[in-house]
Amino acid sequence: MSLIYCVEDDIGIRELISCALKSGGYGVQGFETGRELMENLKKDIPSLILLDIMLSGQDGFTILEALKKDNLYKDIPIIMLTAKSSELDKVKGLEMGADDYVTKPFGIMELLSRIKAVLRRSKVTNNTSQIISIDKLVIDLQKRTVFYGENEAVLTYKEFELLSYLGQHKGKAVSRDMLMLNVWGFDYEGESRTVDAHIKTLRQKLENVGCSDVVTTVRGYGYKIV
């Protein structure tokens, strides 16, 4: 049974989420603050964390940043919960490493569906070989490093996720919609610009270490690694 931690300072929402998760067959523990979360992470690592942004004390972005910098916790899938709905807030959380973003008020069935999707993606990643080799390009999923020969390409979180996903499907064309769903975890207007912008910077960083033309464009569809 998957264990889910819910960090939410509104006791009514926290209890509602807890009841829904238990009914869905999940184990769940709820916390009011980031400090409580960090204390319990020392006892047990959950399968997923639901993290509210507007918390008293440390906000959700600060907690997210701390988790992603810690080697013990950086691979825990995280879904952000917030009343904020602007695209900039969503992008900020996702760029910092969140796996998905749910805006309040949300339906319980939607939340459970998002949780299942994130856990499914996490399971696929965990079951995949930890090393992807493409000629002299080596992607280490566990260490989150990318080398071309002896030269390391230093990528952002999303650039690494994008390259890893394409690498796991090397030789196959992957649509922009699939990249948006599996790398960013959600769909919104303008996803083409987001994917294309990240592909552009990813290519530049690979070219800087001598790796060119590995990510090719499939016109009108998406991208693939050759």
Protein backbone atom coordinates (compact mmCIF):
# COMPACT_ATOMS: atom_id res chain seq x y z
CA MET A 1 0.00 0.00 0.00
CA SER A 2 1.37 3.41 -1.01
CA LEU A 3 1.99 5.85 1.83
CA ILE A 4 1.12 9.48 1.16
CA TYR A 5 2.08 12.48 3.28
CA CYS A 6 -0.25 15.49 3.15
CA VAL A 7 1.12 18.87 4.33
CA GLU A 8 -1.86 21.22 4.72
CA ASP A 9 -2.45 23.74 7.52
CA ASP A 10 -6.23 23.87 7.03
CA ILE A 11 -7.44 21.03 9.25
CA GLY A 12 -10.75 20.69 7.38
CA ILE A 13 -9.05 20.24 4.00
CA ARG A 14 -6.41 17.98 5.53
CA GLU A 15 -9.02 15.68 7.05
CA LEU A 16 -11.06 15.65 3.82
CA ILE A 17 -7.99 14.64 1.81
CA SER A 18 -7.02 12.02 4.40
CA CYS A 19 -10.47 10.40 4.32
CA ALA A 20 -10.48 10.37 0.50
CA LEU A 21 -7.02 8.80 0.33
CA LYS A 22 -7.91 6.12 2.87
CA SER A 23 -11.07 5.31 0.89
CA GLY A 24 -8.87 5.05 -2.20
CA GLY A 25 -6.71 2.40 -0.53
CA TYR A 26 -3.75 4.59 0.43
CA GLY A 27 -1.98 4.94 3.74
CA VAL A 28 -1.91 8.60 4.75
CA GLN A 29 -0.39 10.88 7.35
CA GLY A 30 -1.29 14.55 7.62
CA PHE A 31 0.93 17.38 8.85
CA GLU A 32 0.28 21.04 9.58
CA THR A 33 3.81 22.34 9.00
CA GLY A 34 6.96 21.61 7.06
CA ARG A 35 8.79 20.94 10.31
CA GLU A 36 6.41 18.07 11.12
CA LEU A 37 6.95 16.71 7.63
CA MET A 38 10.74 16.74 7.94
CA GLU A 39 10.60 15.05 11.35
CA ASN A 40 8.45 12.22 9.98
CA LEU A 41 10.56 11.80 6.84
CA LYS A 42 13.32 10.62 9.17
CA LYS A 43 11.02 7.76 10.25
CA ASP A 44 9.46 6.72 6.94
CA ILE A 45 9.78 7.71 3.26
CA PRO A 46 6.36 8.08 1.59
CA SER A 47 5.47 7.16 -1.98
CA LEU A 48 4.24 10.72 -2.61
CA ILE A 49 3.85 14.08 -0.86
CA LEU A 50 0.89 16.45 -1.24
CA LEU A 51 2.32 19.87 -0.38
CA ASP A 52 0.30 23.03 0.15
CA ILE A 53 2.06 26.26 -0.84
CA MET A 54 0.38 28.73 1.53
CA LEU A 55 1.60 27.33 4.84
CA SER A 56 2.31 29.18 8.07
CA GLY A 57 6.05 29.34 8.75
CA GLN A 58 7.93 27.84 5.79
CA ASP A 59 5.89 28.03 2.60
CA GLY A 60 5.55 25.14 0.18
CA PHE A 61 8.12 26.48 -2.28
CA THR A 62 10.77 26.65 0.47
CA ILE A 63 9.97 23.09 1.58
CA LEU A 64 10.00 21.85 -2.02
CA GLU A 65 13.42 23.41 -2.60
CA ALA A 66 14.80 21.79 0.56
CA LEU A 67 13.48 18.37 -0.41
CA LYS A 68 14.91 18.52 -3.93
CA LYS A 69 18.35 19.48 -2.59
CA ASP A 70 18.44 16.49 -0.22
CA ASN A 71 19.67 13.23 -1.78
CA LEU A 72 17.48 11.23 0.60
CA TYR A 73 14.26 12.92 -0.46
CA LYS A 74 14.83 14.43 -3.92
CA ASP A 75 13.18 11.53 -5.76
CA ILE A 76 9.91 11.58 -3.77
CA PRO A 77 7.09 12.61 -6.14
CA ILE A 78 5.42 15.86 -5.04
CA ILE A 79 2.05 17.33 -6.00
CA MET A 80 1.57 20.99 -5.04
CA LEU A 81 -1.76 22.12 -3.56
CA THR A 82 -2.64 25.81 -3.64
CA ALA A 83 -5.34 28.40 -4.04
CA LYS A 84 -3.09 30.24 -6.49
CA SER A 85 -4.03 29.62 -10.10
CA SER A 86 -1.74 31.83 -12.19
CA GLU A 87 0.44 30.16 -14.80
CA LEU A 88 3.56 31.73 -13.27
CA ASP A 89 2.92 30.03 -9.93
CA LYS A 90 2.41 26.69 -11.68
CA VAL A 91 5.56 27.06 -13.73
CA LYS A 92 7.59 28.06 -10.65
CA GLY A 93 6.58 24.92 -8.74
CA LEU A 94 7.13 22.62 -11.70
CA GLU A 95 10.50 24.15 -12.55
CA MET A 96 11.56 23.61 -8.94
CA GLY A 97 10.84 19.90 -9.31
CA ALA A 98 7.18 19.38 -8.44
CA ASP A 99 5.53 16.56 -10.40
CA ASP A 100 2.07 18.09 -10.66
CA TYR A 101 -0.02 21.01 -9.48
CA VAL A 102 -3.64 20.98 -8.22
CA THR A 103 -5.49 24.25 -7.69
CA LYS A 104 -8.08 24.68 -4.93
CA PRO A 105 -10.97 24.13 -4.94
CA PHE A 106 -10.44 20.71 -6.51
CA GLY A 107 -12.59 17.62 -6.86
CA ILE A 108 -11.56 14.56 -4.87
CA MET A 109 -11.84 12.34 -7.94
CA GLU A 110 -9.52 14.70 -9.84
CA LEU A 111 -7.00 14.63 -6.98
CA LEU A 112 -7.04 10.82 -6.81
CA SER A 113 -6.61 10.64 -10.57
CA ARG A 114 -3.59 12.98 -10.42
CA ILE A 115 -2.06 10.93 -7.61
CA LYS A 116 -2.47 7.68 -9.57
CA ALA A 117 -0.87 9.27 -12.65
CA VAL A 118 2.14 10.59 -10.73
CA LEU A 119 2.65 7.29 -8.89
CA ARG A 120 2.42 5.44 -12.20
CA ARG A 121 5.09 7.66 -13.78
CA SER A 122 7.27 7.27 -10.70
CA LYS A 123 6.97 3.49 -10.85
CA VAL A 124 7.96 3.43 -14.52
CA THR A 125 11.02 5.55 -13.77
CA ASN A 126 12.04 3.36 -10.82
CA ASN A 127 11.71 0.20 -12.91
CA THR A 128 13.80 1.58 -15.73
CA SER A 129 17.50 0.84 -16.07
CA GLN A 130 19.44 3.50 -14.17
CA ILE A 131 21.89 4.07 -17.05
CA ILE A 132 20.92 5.17 -20.56
CA SER A 133 23.72 5.04 -23.14
CA ILE A 134 23.46 6.61 -26.58
CA ASP A 135 26.84 6.34 -28.32
CA LYS A 136 29.13 8.42 -26.06
CA LEU A 137 26.20 10.10 -24.30
CA VAL A 138 25.56 8.56 -20.86
CA ILE A 139 22.53 9.51 -18.75
CA ASP A 140 22.67 8.30 -15.15
CA LEU A 141 19.12 8.38 -13.77
CA GLN A 142 20.17 7.68 -10.21
CA LYS A 143 22.99 10.22 -9.98
CA ARG A 144 21.12 12.58 -12.33
CA THR A 145 24.23 13.27 -14.37
CA VAL A 146 24.79 13.55 -18.13
CA PHE A 147 28.19 12.95 -19.70
CA TYR A 148 29.35 13.00 -23.30
CA GLY A 149 32.64 11.17 -23.13
CA GLU A 150 34.46 12.83 -20.25
CA ASN A 151 32.54 16.10 -20.53
CA GLU A 152 29.58 16.71 -18.20
CA ALA A 153 26.51 18.61 -19.37
CA VAL A 154 25.01 20.46 -16.40
CA LEU A 155 21.23 20.51 -16.89
CA THR A 156 18.32 22.01 -15.00
CA TYR A 157 15.81 19.66 -13.37
CA LYS A 158 13.34 19.80 -16.28
CA GLU A 159 16.06 19.60 -18.95
CA PHE A 160 17.30 16.40 -17.31
CA GLU A 161 13.76 14.98 -17.07
CA LEU A 162 13.16 15.84 -20.73
CA LEU A 163 16.38 14.21 -21.92
CA SER A 164 15.78 11.16 -19.72
CA TYR A 165 12.27 10.64 -21.06
CA LEU A 166 13.44 10.93 -24.66
CA GLY A 167 16.36 8.61 -23.84
CA GLN A 168 14.01 5.99 -22.42
CA HIS A 169 12.19 6.08 -25.77
CA LYS A 170 15.28 6.43 -27.98
CA GLY A 171 14.61 5.88 -31.65
CA LYS A 172 10.88 6.60 -31.18
CA ALA A 173 9.12 9.87 -31.94
CA VAL A 174 7.55 11.40 -28.83
CA SER A 175 4.81 14.00 -29.25
CA ARG A 176 4.85 17.37 -27.50
CA ASP A 177 1.66 16.36 -25.68
CA MET A 178 3.32 13.22 -24.29
CA LEU A 179 6.37 15.20 -23.20
CA MET A 180 4.14 17.75 -21.47
CA LEU A 181 2.18 15.03 -19.69
CA ASN A 182 5.10 12.87 -18.64
CA VAL A 183 7.73 15.53 -17.87
CA TRP A 184 5.57 18.38 -16.56
CA GLY A 185 2.62 16.25 -15.46
CA PHE A 186 -0.15 18.48 -16.77
CA ASP A 187 -1.49 20.07 -19.90
CA TYR A 188 -2.09 23.76 -20.50
CA GLU A 189 -2.33 26.26 -23.34
CA GLY A 190 1.07 27.03 -24.74
CA GLU A 191 2.70 23.67 -24.03
CA SER A 192 4.37 23.79 -27.45
CA ARG A 193 6.33 26.90 -26.44
CA THR A 194 7.34 25.35 -23.13
CA VAL A 195 8.63 22.10 -24.65
CA ASP A 196 10.33 23.84 -27.57
CA ALA A 197 12.09 26.34 -25.28
CA HIS A 198 13.46 23.55 -23.09
CA ILE A 199 14.56 21.53 -26.13
CA LYS A 200 16.44 24.59 -27.41
CA THR A 201 18.43 25.08 -24.20
CA LEU A 202 18.97 21.31 -23.85
CA ARG A 203 20.47 21.15 -27.35
CA GLN A 204 22.73 24.11 -26.63
CA LYS A 205 24.10 22.50 -23.47
CA LEU A 206 24.68 19.18 -25.25
CA GLU A 207 26.43 20.96 -28.12
CA ASN A 208 28.68 22.73 -25.61
CA VAL A 209 30.12 19.34 -24.56
CA GLY A 210 30.47 18.12 -28.16
CA CYS A 211 27.19 16.23 -28.49
CA SER A 212 25.22 17.58 -31.45
CA ASP A 213 22.21 16.38 -33.45
CA VAL A 214 21.20 13.75 -30.87
CA VAL A 215 17.77 15.33 -30.28
CA THR A 216 15.99 15.65 -33.60
CA THR A 217 12.74 17.38 -34.48
CA VAL A 218 9.83 15.38 -35.89
CA ARG A 219 8.08 18.09 -37.88
CA GLY A 220 4.55 18.87 -36.71
CA TYR A 221 4.72 16.20 -33.98
CA GLY A 222 7.52 16.33 -31.44
CA TYR A 223 11.05 15.04 -30.90
CA LYS A 224 13.15 11.91 -30.74
CA ILE A 225 16.65 10.80 -29.81
CA VAL A 226 18.63 9.09 -32.56
